[in-house]
């Protein structure tokens, strides 16, 4: 059974930090591209960062220099270190796993991040 379980969300003041985790099971983790997406109220889901199976990582312009994504293939886990958080970072953050050949994709249930004073 495939599972992506996010954790680490919560309420933080502007300028603060949070570290999200996504623990994966039920599939061959190191063969999947892993991503973090987020969805704010009334907005479409947007890509935050993606770490390819090769290990290379790219970021949305809105989070460059503030967020760092990493993966630990030994633990089947990806992380998102979020620093200098802004109110506009408030959203539900989702973990996403995708394999191109064969095509497979999985979503986590999401974790709420609220940045507010």
PDB file of N, CA and C in Angstrom:
ATOM      1  N   UNK A   1       0.847  -1.192   0.000  1.00  0.00           N
ATOM      2  CA  UNK A   1       0.000   0.000   0.000  1.00  0.00           C
ATOM      3  C   UNK A   1       0.888   1.250   0.000  1.00  0.00           C
ATOM      4  N   UNK A   2       0.645   2.116  -0.966  1.00  0.00           N
ATOM      5  CA  UNK A   2       1.435   3.339  -1.095  1.00  0.00           C
ATOM      6  C   UNK A   2       0.975   4.363  -0.068  1.00  0.00           C
ATOM      7  N   UNK A   3       1.945   4.963   0.604  1.00  0.00           N
ATOM      8  CA  UNK A   3       1.633   6.035   1.546  1.00  0.00           C
ATOM      9  C   UNK A   3       2.677   7.144   1.438  1.00  0.00           C
ATOM     10  N   UNK A   4       2.184   8.374   1.485  1.00  0.00           N
ATOM     11  CA  UNK A   4       3.026   9.558   1.646  1.00  0.00           C
ATOM     12  C   UNK A   4       2.450  10.305   2.842  1.00  0.00           C
ATOM     13  N   UNK A   5       3.226  10.408   3.902  1.00  0.00           N
ATOM     14  CA  UNK A   5       2.725  10.999   5.132  1.00  0.00           C
ATOM     15  C   UNK A   5       3.545  12.238   5.462  1.00  0.00           C
ATOM     16  N   UNK A   6       2.891  13.394   5.343  1.00  0.00           N
ATOM     17  CA  UNK A   6       3.555  14.656   5.657  1.00  0.00           C
ATOM     18  C   UNK A   6       3.419  14.970   7.144  1.00  0.00           C
ATOM     19  N   UNK A   7       4.391  15.688   7.654  1.00  0.00           N
ATOM     20  CA  UNK A   7       4.347  16.153   9.037  1.00  0.00           C
ATOM     21  C   UNK A   7       5.197  17.409   9.152  1.00  0.00           C
ATOM     22  N   UNK A   8       5.033  18.118  10.278  1.00  0.00           N
ATOM     23  CA  UNK A   8       5.866  19.278  10.551  1.00  0.00           C
ATOM     24  C   UNK A   8       5.203  20.620  10.337  1.00  0.00           C
ATOM     25  N   UNK A   9       3.975  20.623   9.853  1.00  0.00           N
ATOM     26  CA  UNK A   9       3.287  21.878   9.661  1.00  0.00           C
ATOM     27  C   UNK A   9       2.868  22.496  10.989  1.00  0.00           C
ATOM     28  N   UNK A  10       2.370  23.737  10.916  1.00  0.00           N
ATOM     29  CA  UNK A  10       1.916  24.401  12.128  1.00  0.00           C
ATOM     30  C   UNK A  10       1.812  25.896  11.930  1.00  0.00           C
ATOM     31  N   UNK A  11       1.700  26.591  13.043  1.00  0.00           N
ATOM     32  CA  UNK A  11       1.592  28.046  13.060  1.00  0.00           C
ATOM     33  C   UNK A  11       2.948  28.638  13.424  1.00  0.00           C
ATOM     34  N   UNK A  12       3.400  29.600  12.633  1.00  0.00           N
ATOM     35  CA  UNK A  12       4.690  30.234  12.880  1.00  0.00           C
ATOM     36  C   UNK A  12       4.577  31.714  12.580  1.00  0.00           C
ATOM     37  N   UNK A  13       5.357  32.527  13.265  1.00  0.00           N
ATOM     38  CA  UNK A  13       5.345  33.962  13.022  1.00  0.00           C
ATOM     39  C   UNK A  13       6.150  34.300  11.767  1.00  0.00           C
ATOM     40  N   UNK A  14       5.837  35.408  11.140  1.00  0.00           N
ATOM     41  CA  UNK A  14       6.649  35.845   9.988  1.00  0.00           C
ATOM     42  C   UNK A  14       8.122  35.931  10.368  1.00  0.00           C
ATOM     43  N   UNK A  15       8.953  35.444   9.451  1.00  0.00           N
ATOM     44  CA  UNK A  15      10.387  35.385   9.699  1.00  0.00           C
ATOM     45  C   UNK A  15      10.841  34.100  10.344  1.00  0.00           C
ATOM     46  N   UNK A  16       9.904  33.280  10.777  1.00  0.00           N
ATOM     47  CA  UNK A  16      10.241  32.026  11.436  1.00  0.00           C
ATOM     48  C   UNK A  16      10.552  30.904  10.464  1.00  0.00           C
ATOM     49  N   UNK A  17      10.764  29.730  11.031  1.00  0.00           N
ATOM     50  CA  UNK A  17      11.140  28.556  10.243  1.00  0.00           C
ATOM     51  C   UNK A  17      10.290  27.355  10.612  1.00  0.00           C
ATOM     52  N   UNK A  18      10.145  26.468   9.639  1.00  0.00           N
ATOM     53  CA  UNK A  18       9.518  25.166   9.845  1.00  0.00           C
ATOM     54  C   UNK A  18      10.238  24.152   8.973  1.00  0.00           C
ATOM     55  N   UNK A  19      10.184  22.905   9.395  1.00  0.00           N
ATOM     56  CA  UNK A  19      10.739  21.824   8.592  1.00  0.00           C
ATOM     57  C   UNK A  19       9.648  20.784   8.375  1.00  0.00           C
ATOM     58  N   UNK A  20       9.289  20.604   7.129  1.00  0.00           N
ATOM     59  CA  UNK A  20       8.310  19.582   6.775  1.00  0.00           C
ATOM     60  C   UNK A  20       9.017  18.285   6.409  1.00  0.00           C
ATOM     61  N   UNK A  21       8.354  17.180   6.717  1.00  0.00           N
ATOM     62  CA  UNK A  21       8.856  15.859   6.340  1.00  0.00           C
ATOM     63  C   UNK A  21       7.772  15.119   5.580  1.00  0.00           C
ATOM     64  N   UNK A  22       8.205  14.247   4.696  1.00  0.00           N
ATOM     65  CA  UNK A  22       7.283  13.382   3.962  1.00  0.00           C
ATOM     66  C   UNK A  22       7.886  11.985   3.945  1.00  0.00           C
ATOM     67  N   UNK A  23       7.251  11.089   4.677  1.00  0.00           N
ATOM     68  CA  UNK A  23       7.719   9.711   4.751  1.00  0.00           C
ATOM     69  C   UNK A  23       6.965   8.857   3.746  1.00  0.00           C
ATOM     70  N   UNK A  24       7.699   8.177   2.890  1.00  0.00           N
ATOM     71  CA  UNK A  24       7.101   7.385   1.815  1.00  0.00           C
ATOM     72  C   UNK A  24       7.229   5.893   2.095  1.00  0.00           C
ATOM     73  N   UNK A  25       6.242   5.147   1.621  1.00  0.00           N
ATOM     74  CA  UNK A  25       6.296   3.691   1.721  1.00  0.00           C
ATOM     75  C   UNK A  25       5.441   3.088   0.628  1.00  0.00           C
ATOM     76  N   UNK A  26       5.740   1.839   0.293  1.00  0.00           N
ATOM     77  CA  UNK A  26       4.926   1.121  -0.671  1.00  0.00           C
ATOM     78  C   UNK A  26       5.369   1.238  -2.114  1.00  0.00           C
ATOM     79  N   UNK A  27       6.462   1.923  -2.369  1.00  0.00           N
ATOM     80  CA  UNK A  27       6.996   2.019  -3.731  1.00  0.00           C
ATOM     81  C   UNK A  27       8.507   2.209  -3.667  1.00  0.00           C
ATOM     82  N   UNK A  28       9.157   2.078  -4.815  1.00  0.00           N
ATOM     83  CA  UNK A  28      10.614   2.164  -4.884  1.00  0.00           C
ATOM     84  C   UNK A  28      11.023   3.637  -4.885  1.00  0.00           C
ATOM     85  N   UNK A  29      11.235   4.152  -3.701  1.00  0.00           N
ATOM     86  CA  UNK A  29      11.393   5.589  -3.491  1.00  0.00           C
ATOM     87  C   UNK A  29      12.490   6.202  -4.360  1.00  0.00           C
ATOM     88  N   UNK A  30      13.628   5.556  -4.466  1.00  0.00           N
ATOM     89  CA  UNK A  30      14.759   6.193  -5.153  1.00  0.00           C
ATOM     90  C   UNK A  30      14.593   6.255  -6.670  1.00  0.00           C
ATOM     91  N   UNK A  31      13.501   5.700  -7.183  1.00  0.00           N
ATOM     92  CA  UNK A  31      13.237   5.790  -8.616  1.00  0.00           C
ATOM     93  C   UNK A  31      12.206   6.861  -8.952  1.00  0.00           C
ATOM     94  N   UNK A  32      11.792   7.600  -7.938  1.00  0.00           N
ATOM     95  CA  UNK A  32      10.750   8.602  -8.117  1.00  0.00           C
ATOM     96  C   UNK A  32      11.292  10.015  -7.957  1.00  0.00           C
ATOM     97  N   UNK A  33      10.753  10.910  -8.793  1.00  0.00           N
ATOM     98  CA  UNK A  33      10.946  12.335  -8.567  1.00  0.00           C
ATOM     99  C   UNK A  33       9.996  12.744  -7.440  1.00  0.00           C
ATOM    100  N   UNK A  34      10.510  13.503  -6.502  1.00  0.00           N
ATOM    101  CA  UNK A  34       9.712  13.923  -5.358  1.00  0.00           C
ATOM    102  C   UNK A  34       9.539  15.433  -5.357  1.00  0.00           C
ATOM    103  N   UNK A  35       8.344  15.877  -5.036  1.00  0.00           N
ATOM    104  CA  UNK A  35       8.047  17.301  -5.090  1.00  0.00           C
ATOM    105  C   UNK A  35       7.263  17.724  -3.865  1.00  0.00           C
ATOM    106  N   UNK A  36       7.338  19.016  -3.602  1.00  0.00           N
ATOM    107  CA  UNK A  36       6.440  19.673  -2.659  1.00  0.00           C
ATOM    108  C   UNK A  36       5.592  20.659  -3.458  1.00  0.00           C
ATOM    109  N   UNK A  37       4.290  20.590  -3.228  1.00  0.00           N
ATOM    110  CA  UNK A  37       3.339  21.544  -3.771  1.00  0.00           C
ATOM    111  C   UNK A  37       2.655  22.239  -2.601  1.00  0.00           C
ATOM    112  N   UNK A  38       2.004  23.350  -2.903  1.00  0.00           N
ATOM    113  CA  UNK A  38       1.195  24.013  -1.883  1.00  0.00           C
ATOM    114  C   UNK A  38      -0.053  24.601  -2.514  1.00  0.00           C
ATOM    115  N   UNK A  39      -1.079  24.726  -1.695  1.00  0.00           N
ATOM    116  CA  UNK A  39      -2.335  25.300  -2.161  1.00  0.00           C
ATOM    117  C   UNK A  39      -2.884  26.215  -1.089  1.00  0.00           C
ATOM    118  N   UNK A  40      -2.968  27.494  -1.429  1.00  0.00           N
ATOM    119  CA  UNK A  40      -3.545  28.482  -0.525  1.00  0.00           C
ATOM    120  C   UNK A  40      -5.046  28.568  -0.786  1.00  0.00           C
ATOM    121  N   UNK A  41      -5.816  29.047   0.186  1.00  0.00           N
ATOM    122  CA  UNK A  41      -7.264  29.155  -0.003  1.00  0.00           C
ATOM    123  C   UNK A  41      -7.614  29.985  -1.234  1.00  0.00           C
ATOM    124  N   UNK A  42      -8.472  29.438  -2.078  1.00  0.00           N
ATOM    125  CA  UNK A  42      -8.922  30.153  -3.253  1.00  0.00           C
ATOM    126  C   UNK A  42      -7.939  30.193  -4.395  1.00  0.00           C
ATOM    127  N   UNK A  43      -6.817  29.491  -4.255  1.00  0.00           N
ATOM    128  CA  UNK A  43      -5.794  29.500  -5.298  1.00  0.00           C
ATOM    129  C   UNK A  43      -5.539  28.083  -5.802  1.00  0.00           C
ATOM    130  N   UNK A  44      -4.902  28.010  -6.972  1.00  0.00           N
ATOM    131  CA  UNK A  44      -4.552  26.711  -7.530  1.00  0.00           C
ATOM    132  C   UNK A  44      -3.324  26.141  -6.816  1.00  0.00           C
ATOM    133  N   UNK A  45      -3.215  24.826  -6.870  1.00  0.00           N
ATOM    134  CA  UNK A  45      -2.044  24.174  -6.310  1.00  0.00           C
ATOM    135  C   UNK A  45      -0.827  24.555  -7.150  1.00  0.00           C
ATOM    136  N   UNK A  46       0.270  24.871  -6.473  1.00  0.00           N
ATOM    137  CA  UNK A  46       1.469  25.301  -7.188  1.00  0.00           C
ATOM    138  C   UNK A  46       2.693  24.518  -6.718  1.00  0.00           C
ATOM    139  N   UNK A  47       3.621  24.344  -7.650  1.00  0.00           N
ATOM    140  CA  UNK A  47       4.863  23.645  -7.338  1.00  0.00           C
ATOM    141  C   UNK A  47       5.770  24.540  -6.496  1.00  0.00           C
ATOM    142  N   UNK A  48       6.307  23.961  -5.433  1.00  0.00           N
ATOM    143  CA  UNK A  48       7.245  24.676  -4.573  1.00  0.00           C
ATOM    144  C   UNK A  48       8.673  24.268  -4.899  1.00  0.00           C
ATOM    145  N   UNK A  49       8.906  22.953  -4.938  1.00  0.00           N
ATOM    146  CA  UNK A  49      10.259  22.453  -5.204  1.00  0.00           C
ATOM    147  C   UNK A  49      10.153  21.012  -5.672  1.00  0.00           C
ATOM    148  N   UNK A  50      11.134  20.609  -6.479  1.00  0.00           N
ATOM    149  CA  UNK A  50      11.179  19.234  -6.954  1.00  0.00           C
ATOM    150  C   UNK A  50      12.613  18.725  -6.870  1.00  0.00           C
ATOM    151  N   UNK A  51      12.747  17.519  -6.340  1.00  0.00           N
ATOM    152  CA  UNK A  51      14.034  16.840  -6.333  1.00  0.00           C
ATOM    153  C   UNK A  51      13.923  15.605  -7.204  1.00  0.00           C
ATOM    154  N   UNK A  52      14.696  15.584  -8.278  1.00  0.00           N
ATOM    155  CA  UNK A  52      14.648  14.470  -9.193  1.00  0.00           C
ATOM    156  C   UNK A  52      15.249  13.216  -8.553  1.00  0.00           C
ATOM    157  N   UNK A  53      14.959  12.079  -9.166  1.00  0.00           N
ATOM    158  CA  UNK A  53      15.542  10.830  -8.691  1.00  0.00           C
ATOM    159  C   UNK A  53      17.071  10.909  -8.698  1.00  0.00           C
ATOM    160  N   UNK A  54      17.611  11.713  -9.616  1.00  0.00           N
ATOM    161  CA  UNK A  54      19.066  11.909  -9.706  1.00  0.00           C
ATOM    162  C   UNK A  54      19.613  12.739  -8.558  1.00  0.00           C
ATOM    163  N   UNK A  55      18.705  13.473  -7.881  1.00  0.00           N
ATOM    164  CA  UNK A  55      19.131  14.293  -6.753  1.00  0.00           C
ATOM    165  C   UNK A  55      19.151  15.779  -7.019  1.00  0.00           C
ATOM    166  N   UNK A  56      19.024  16.194  -8.265  1.00  0.00           N
ATOM    167  CA  UNK A  56      19.024  17.626  -8.572  1.00  0.00           C
ATOM    168  C   UNK A  56      17.709  18.247  -8.124  1.00  0.00           C
ATOM    169  N   UNK A  57      17.777  19.484  -7.692  1.00  0.00           N
ATOM    170  CA  UNK A  57      16.614  20.158  -7.118  1.00  0.00           C
ATOM    171  C   UNK A  57      16.390  21.510  -7.793  1.00  0.00           C
ATOM    172  N   UNK A  58      15.146  21.819  -8.042  1.00  0.00           N
ATOM    173  CA  UNK A  58      14.776  23.138  -8.540  1.00  0.00           C
ATOM    174  C   UNK A  58      13.662  23.698  -7.664  1.00  0.00           C
ATOM    175  N   UNK A  59      13.579  25.033  -7.648  1.00  0.00           N
ATOM    176  CA  UNK A  59      12.650  25.733  -6.770  1.00  0.00           C
ATOM    177  C   UNK A  59      11.816  26.739  -7.542  1.00  0.00           C
ATOM    178  N   UNK A  60      10.624  26.984  -7.019  1.00  0.00           N
ATOM    179  CA  UNK A  60       9.829  28.094  -7.529  1.00  0.00           C
ATOM    180  C   UNK A  60      10.545  29.397  -7.171  1.00  0.00           C
ATOM    181  N   UNK A  61      10.391  30.393  -8.031  1.00  0.00           N
ATOM    182  CA  UNK A  61      11.058  31.673  -7.791  1.00  0.00           C
ATOM    183  C   UNK A  61      10.654  32.274  -6.444  1.00  0.00           C
ATOM    184  N   UNK A  62       9.414  32.040  -6.046  1.00  0.00           N
ATOM    185  CA  UNK A  62       8.889  32.652  -4.828  1.00  0.00           C
ATOM    186  C   UNK A  62       9.557  32.132  -3.559  1.00  0.00           C
ATOM    187  N   UNK A  63      10.235  30.985  -3.633  1.00  0.00           N
ATOM    188  CA  UNK A  63      10.843  30.405  -2.431  1.00  0.00           C
ATOM    189  C   UNK A  63      12.356  30.275  -2.530  1.00  0.00           C
ATOM    190  N   UNK A  64      12.927  30.601  -3.676  1.00  0.00           N
ATOM    191  CA  UNK A  64      14.381  30.500  -3.846  1.00  0.00           C
ATOM    192  C   UNK A  64      15.112  31.305  -2.788  1.00  0.00           C
ATOM    193  N   UNK A  65      16.135  30.682  -2.207  1.00  0.00           N
ATOM    194  CA  UNK A  65      16.927  31.356  -1.183  1.00  0.00           C
ATOM    195  C   UNK A  65      16.342  31.255   0.208  1.00  0.00           C
ATOM    196  N   UNK A  66      15.093  30.794   0.314  1.00  0.00           N
ATOM    197  CA  UNK A  66      14.448  30.662   1.630  1.00  0.00           C
ATOM    198  C   UNK A  66      14.142  29.202   1.980  1.00  0.00           C
ATOM    199  N   UNK A  67      13.782  28.415   0.983  1.00  0.00           N
ATOM    200  CA  UNK A  67      13.412  27.013   1.199  1.00  0.00           C
ATOM    201  C   UNK A  67      14.512  26.101   0.671  1.00  0.00           C
ATOM    202  N   UNK A  68      14.704  24.981   1.349  1.00  0.00           N
ATOM    203  CA  UNK A  68      15.645  23.967   0.899  1.00  0.00           C
ATOM    204  C   UNK A  68      14.981  22.606   0.966  1.00  0.00           C
ATOM    205  N   UNK A  69      14.969  21.928  -0.177  1.00  0.00           N
ATOM    206  CA  UNK A  69      14.412  20.574  -0.236  1.00  0.00           C
ATOM    207  C   UNK A  69      15.549  19.573  -0.259  1.00  0.00           C
ATOM    208  N   UNK A  70      15.359  18.465   0.458  1.00  0.00           N
ATOM    209  CA  UNK A  70      16.356  17.409   0.454  1.00  0.00           C
ATOM    210  C   UNK A  70      15.654  16.061   0.501  1.00  0.00           C
ATOM    211  N   UNK A  71      16.385  15.026   0.117  1.00  0.00           N
ATOM    212  CA  UNK A  71      15.828  13.678   0.182  1.00  0.00           C
ATOM    213  C   UNK A  71      16.846  12.746   0.811  1.00  0.00           C
ATOM    214  N   UNK A  72      16.327  11.788   1.558  1.00  0.00           N
ATOM    215  CA  UNK A  72      17.142  10.758   2.182  1.00  0.00           C
ATOM    216  C   UNK A  72      16.623   9.420   1.684  1.00  0.00           C
ATOM    217  N   UNK A  73      17.305   8.871   0.695  1.00  0.00           N
ATOM    218  CA  UNK A  73      16.824   7.614   0.107  1.00  0.00           C
ATOM    219  C   UNK A  73      16.901   6.444   1.081  1.00  0.00           C
ATOM    220  N   UNK A  74      17.791   6.522   2.045  1.00  0.00           N
ATOM    221  CA  UNK A  74      17.903   5.455   3.034  1.00  0.00           C
ATOM    222  C   UNK A  74      16.689   5.421   3.953  1.00  0.00           C
ATOM    223  N   UNK A  75      16.071   6.587   4.151  1.00  0.00           N
ATOM    224  CA  UNK A  75      14.907   6.682   5.030  1.00  0.00           C
ATOM    225  C   UNK A  75      13.602   6.839   4.261  1.00  0.00           C
ATOM    226  N   UNK A  76      13.687   6.849   2.918  1.00  0.00           N
ATOM    227  CA  UNK A  76      12.494   7.048   2.095  1.00  0.00           C
ATOM    228  C   UNK A  76      11.735   8.311   2.515  1.00  0.00           C
ATOM    229  N   UNK A  77      12.478   9.367   2.703  1.00  0.00           N
ATOM    230  CA  UNK A  77      11.886  10.592   3.226  1.00  0.00           C
ATOM    231  C   UNK A  77      12.431  11.815   2.478  1.00  0.00           C
ATOM    232  N   UNK A  78      11.551  12.769   2.248  1.00  0.00           N
ATOM    233  CA  UNK A  78      11.978  14.068   1.747  1.00  0.00           C
ATOM    234  C   UNK A  78      11.630  15.126   2.786  1.00  0.00           C
ATOM    235  N   UNK A  79      12.386  16.205   2.735  1.00  0.00           N
ATOM    236  CA  UNK A  79      12.213  17.284   3.689  1.00  0.00           C
ATOM    237  C   UNK A  79      12.085  18.614   2.955  1.00  0.00           C
ATOM    238  N   UNK A  80      11.451  19.551   3.625  1.00  0.00           N
ATOM    239  CA  UNK A  80      11.411  20.914   3.111  1.00  0.00           C
ATOM    240  C   UNK A  80      11.703  21.836   4.287  1.00  0.00           C
ATOM    241  N   UNK A  81      12.903  22.389   4.292  1.00  0.00           N
ATOM    242  CA  UNK A  81      13.288  23.368   5.308  1.00  0.00           C
ATOM    243  C   UNK A  81      12.845  24.736   4.826  1.00  0.00           C
ATOM    244  N   UNK A  82      11.995  25.374   5.596  1.00  0.00           N
ATOM    245  CA  UNK A  82      11.431  26.667   5.206  1.00  0.00           C
ATOM    246  C   UNK A  82      11.885  27.725   6.186  1.00  0.00           C
ATOM    247  N   UNK A  83      12.645  28.693   5.697  1.00  0.00           N
ATOM    248  CA  UNK A  83      13.154  29.791   6.512  1.00  0.00           C
ATOM    249  C   UNK A  83      12.574  31.114   6.039  1.00  0.00           C
ATOM    250  N   UNK A  84      12.702  32.123   6.868  1.00  0.00           N
ATOM    251  CA  UNK A  84      12.215  33.471   6.528  1.00  0.00           C
ATOM    252  C   UNK A  84      10.787  33.414   5.997  1.00  0.00           C
ATOM    253  N   UNK A  85       9.943  32.721   6.706  1.00  0.00           N
ATOM    254  CA  UNK A  85       8.567  32.514   6.238  1.00  0.00           C
ATOM    255  C   UNK A  85       7.787  33.817   6.198  1.00  0.00           C
ATOM    256  N   UNK A  86       6.904  33.904   5.212  1.00  0.00           N
ATOM    257  CA  UNK A  86       6.082  35.086   4.986  1.00  0.00           C
ATOM    258  C   UNK A  86       4.618  34.688   5.068  1.00  0.00           C
ATOM    259  N   UNK A  87       3.737  35.639   5.359  1.00  0.00           N
ATOM    260  CA  UNK A  87       2.304  35.306   5.395  1.00  0.00           C
ATOM    261  C   UNK A  87       1.828  34.667   4.084  1.00  0.00           C
ATOM    262  N   UNK A  88       2.397  35.064   2.980  1.00  0.00           N
ATOM    263  CA  UNK A  88       1.981  34.492   1.682  1.00  0.00           C
ATOM    264  C   UNK A  88       2.432  33.051   1.492  1.00  0.00           C
ATOM    265  N   UNK A  89       3.222  32.515   2.416  1.00  0.00           N
ATOM    266  CA  UNK A  89       3.575  31.103   2.382  1.00  0.00           C
ATOM    267  C   UNK A  89       2.499  30.236   3.020  1.00  0.00           C
ATOM    268  N   UNK A  90       1.499  30.875   3.616  1.00  0.00           N
ATOM    269  CA  UNK A  90       0.407  30.128   4.240  1.00  0.00           C
ATOM    270  C   UNK A  90      -0.329  29.288   3.204  1.00  0.00           C
ATOM    271  N   UNK A  91      -0.417  27.996   3.462  1.00  0.00           N
ATOM    272  CA  UNK A  91      -1.038  27.066   2.516  1.00  0.00           C
ATOM    273  C   UNK A  91      -1.039  25.669   3.116  1.00  0.00           C
ATOM    274  N   UNK A  92      -1.742  24.773   2.450  1.00  0.00           N
ATOM    275  CA  UNK A  92      -1.573  23.353   2.726  1.00  0.00           C
ATOM    276  C   UNK A  92      -0.448  22.854   1.813  1.00  0.00           C
ATOM    277  N   UNK A  93       0.527  22.199   2.403  1.00  0.00           N
ATOM    278  CA  UNK A  93       1.690  21.707   1.668  1.00  0.00           C
ATOM    279  C   UNK A  93       1.537  20.203   1.439  1.00  0.00           C
ATOM    280  N   UNK A  94       1.722  19.818   0.172  1.00  0.00           N
ATOM    281  CA  UNK A  94       1.535  18.431  -0.231  1.00  0.00           C
ATOM    282  C   UNK A  94       2.837  17.834  -0.758  1.00  0.00           C
ATOM    283  N   UNK A  95       3.038  16.594  -0.443  1.00  0.00           N
ATOM    284  CA  UNK A  95       4.142  15.815  -0.989  1.00  0.00           C
ATOM    285  C   UNK A  95       3.615  15.048  -2.205  1.00  0.00           C
ATOM    286  N   UNK A  96       4.444  14.955  -3.236  1.00  0.00           N
ATOM    287  CA  UNK A  96       4.026  14.329  -4.496  1.00  0.00           C
ATOM    288  C   UNK A  96       5.170  13.480  -5.028  1.00  0.00           C
ATOM    289  N   UNK A  97       4.844  12.248  -5.418  1.00  0.00           N
ATOM    290  CA  UNK A  97       5.826  11.334  -5.977  1.00  0.00           C
ATOM    291  C   UNK A  97       5.426  10.986  -7.397  1.00  0.00           C
ATOM    292  N   UNK A  98       6.377  11.004  -8.290  1.00  0.00           N
ATOM    293  CA  UNK A  98       6.071  10.722  -9.701  1.00  0.00           C
ATOM    294  C   UNK A  98       7.199   9.925 -10.341  1.00  0.00           C
ATOM    295  N   UNK A  99       6.761   8.924 -11.107  1.00  0.00           N
ATOM    296  CA  UNK A  99       7.692   8.144 -11.919  1.00  0.00           C
ATOM    297  C   UNK A  99       7.228   8.232 -13.351  1.00  0.00           C
ATOM    298  N   UNK A 100       8.161   8.406 -14.271  1.00  0.00           N
ATOM    299  CA  UNK A 100       7.802   8.616 -15.671  1.00  0.00           C
ATOM    300  C   UNK A 100       7.537   7.300 -16.394  1.00  0.00           C
ATOM    301  N   UNK A 101       8.446   6.317 -16.217  1.00  0.00           N
ATOM    302  CA  UNK A 101       8.283   5.048 -16.909  1.00  0.00           C
ATOM    303  C   UNK A 101       8.430   3.904 -15.910  1.00  0.00           C
ATOM    304  N   UNK A 102       7.392   3.134 -15.636  1.00  0.00           N
ATOM    305  CA  UNK A 102       6.002   3.389 -16.037  1.00  0.00           C
ATOM    306  C   UNK A 102       5.428   4.584 -15.285  1.00  0.00           C
ATOM    307  N   UNK A 103       4.372   5.154 -15.835  1.00  0.00           N
ATOM    308  CA  UNK A 103       3.774   6.335 -15.217  1.00  0.00           C
ATOM    309  C   UNK A 103       3.070   5.969 -13.921  1.00  0.00           C
ATOM    310  N   UNK A 104       3.554   6.594 -12.843  1.00  0.00           N
ATOM    311  CA  UNK A 104       2.945   6.431 -11.530  1.00  0.00           C
ATOM    312  C   UNK A 104       3.014   7.769 -10.818  1.00  0.00           C
ATOM    313  N   UNK A 105       1.983   8.089 -10.053  1.00  0.00           N
ATOM    314  CA  UNK A 105       2.007   9.326  -9.283  1.00  0.00           C
ATOM    315  C   UNK A 105       1.154   9.172  -8.044  1.00  0.00           C
ATOM    316  N   UNK A 106       1.654   9.754  -6.955  1.00  0.00           N
ATOM    317  CA  UNK A 106       0.987   9.646  -5.663  1.00  0.00           C
ATOM    318  C   UNK A 106       1.043  10.981  -4.930  1.00  0.00           C
ATOM    319  N   UNK A 107      -0.031  11.271  -4.183  1.00  0.00           N
ATOM    320  CA  UNK A 107      -0.104  12.490  -3.372  1.00  0.00           C
ATOM    321  C   UNK A 107      -0.206  12.115  -1.902  1.00  0.00           C
ATOM    322  N   UNK A 108       0.359  12.980  -1.068  1.00  0.00           N
ATOM    323  CA  UNK A 108       0.129  12.876   0.359  1.00  0.00           C
ATOM    324  C   UNK A 108      -1.150  13.598   0.728  1.00  0.00           C
ATOM    325  N   UNK A 109      -1.490  13.553   2.020  1.00  0.00           N
ATOM    326  CA  UNK A 109      -2.754  14.135   2.476  1.00  0.00           C
ATOM    327  C   UNK A 109      -2.629  15.627   2.777  1.00  0.00           C
ATOM    328  N   UNK A 110      -1.405  16.121   2.865  1.00  0.00           N
ATOM    329  CA  UNK A 110      -1.187  17.541   3.098  1.00  0.00           C
ATOM    330  C   UNK A 110      -0.980  17.891   4.558  1.00  0.00           C
ATOM    331  N   UNK A 111      -0.241  18.976   4.781  1.00  0.00           N
ATOM    332  CA  UNK A 111      -0.039  19.496   6.126  1.00  0.00           C
ATOM    333  C   UNK A 111      -0.172  21.023   6.070  1.00  0.00           C
ATOM    334  N   UNK A 112      -0.887  21.573   7.036  1.00  0.00           N
ATOM    335  CA  UNK A 112      -1.178  23.006   7.028  1.00  0.00           C
ATOM    336  C   UNK A 112       0.009  23.797   7.584  1.00  0.00           C
ATOM    337  N   UNK A 113       0.377  24.831   6.853  1.00  0.00           N
ATOM    338  CA  UNK A 113       1.377  25.798   7.312  1.00  0.00           C
ATOM    339  C   UNK A 113       0.702  27.163   7.350  1.00  0.00           C
ATOM    340  N   UNK A 114       0.726  27.795   8.519  1.00  0.00           N
ATOM    341  CA  UNK A 114       0.129  29.117   8.689  1.00  0.00           C
ATOM    342  C   UNK A 114       1.195  30.070   9.220  1.00  0.00           C
ATOM    343  N   UNK A 115       1.406  31.150   8.478  1.00  0.00           N
ATOM    344  CA  UNK A 115       2.389  32.156   8.875  1.00  0.00           C
ATOM    345  C   UNK A 115       1.624  33.417   9.257  1.00  0.00           C
ATOM    346  N   UNK A 116       1.621  33.721  10.536  1.00  0.00           N
ATOM    347  CA  UNK A 116       0.821  34.836  11.024  1.00  0.00           C
ATOM    348  C   UNK A 116       1.357  35.318  12.363  1.00  0.00           C
ATOM    349  N   UNK A 117       1.208  36.616  12.589  1.00  0.00           N
ATOM    350  CA  UNK A 117       1.606  37.171  13.884  1.00  0.00           C
ATOM    351  C   UNK A 117       0.407  37.225  14.825  1.00  0.00           C
TER     352      UNK A 117
END
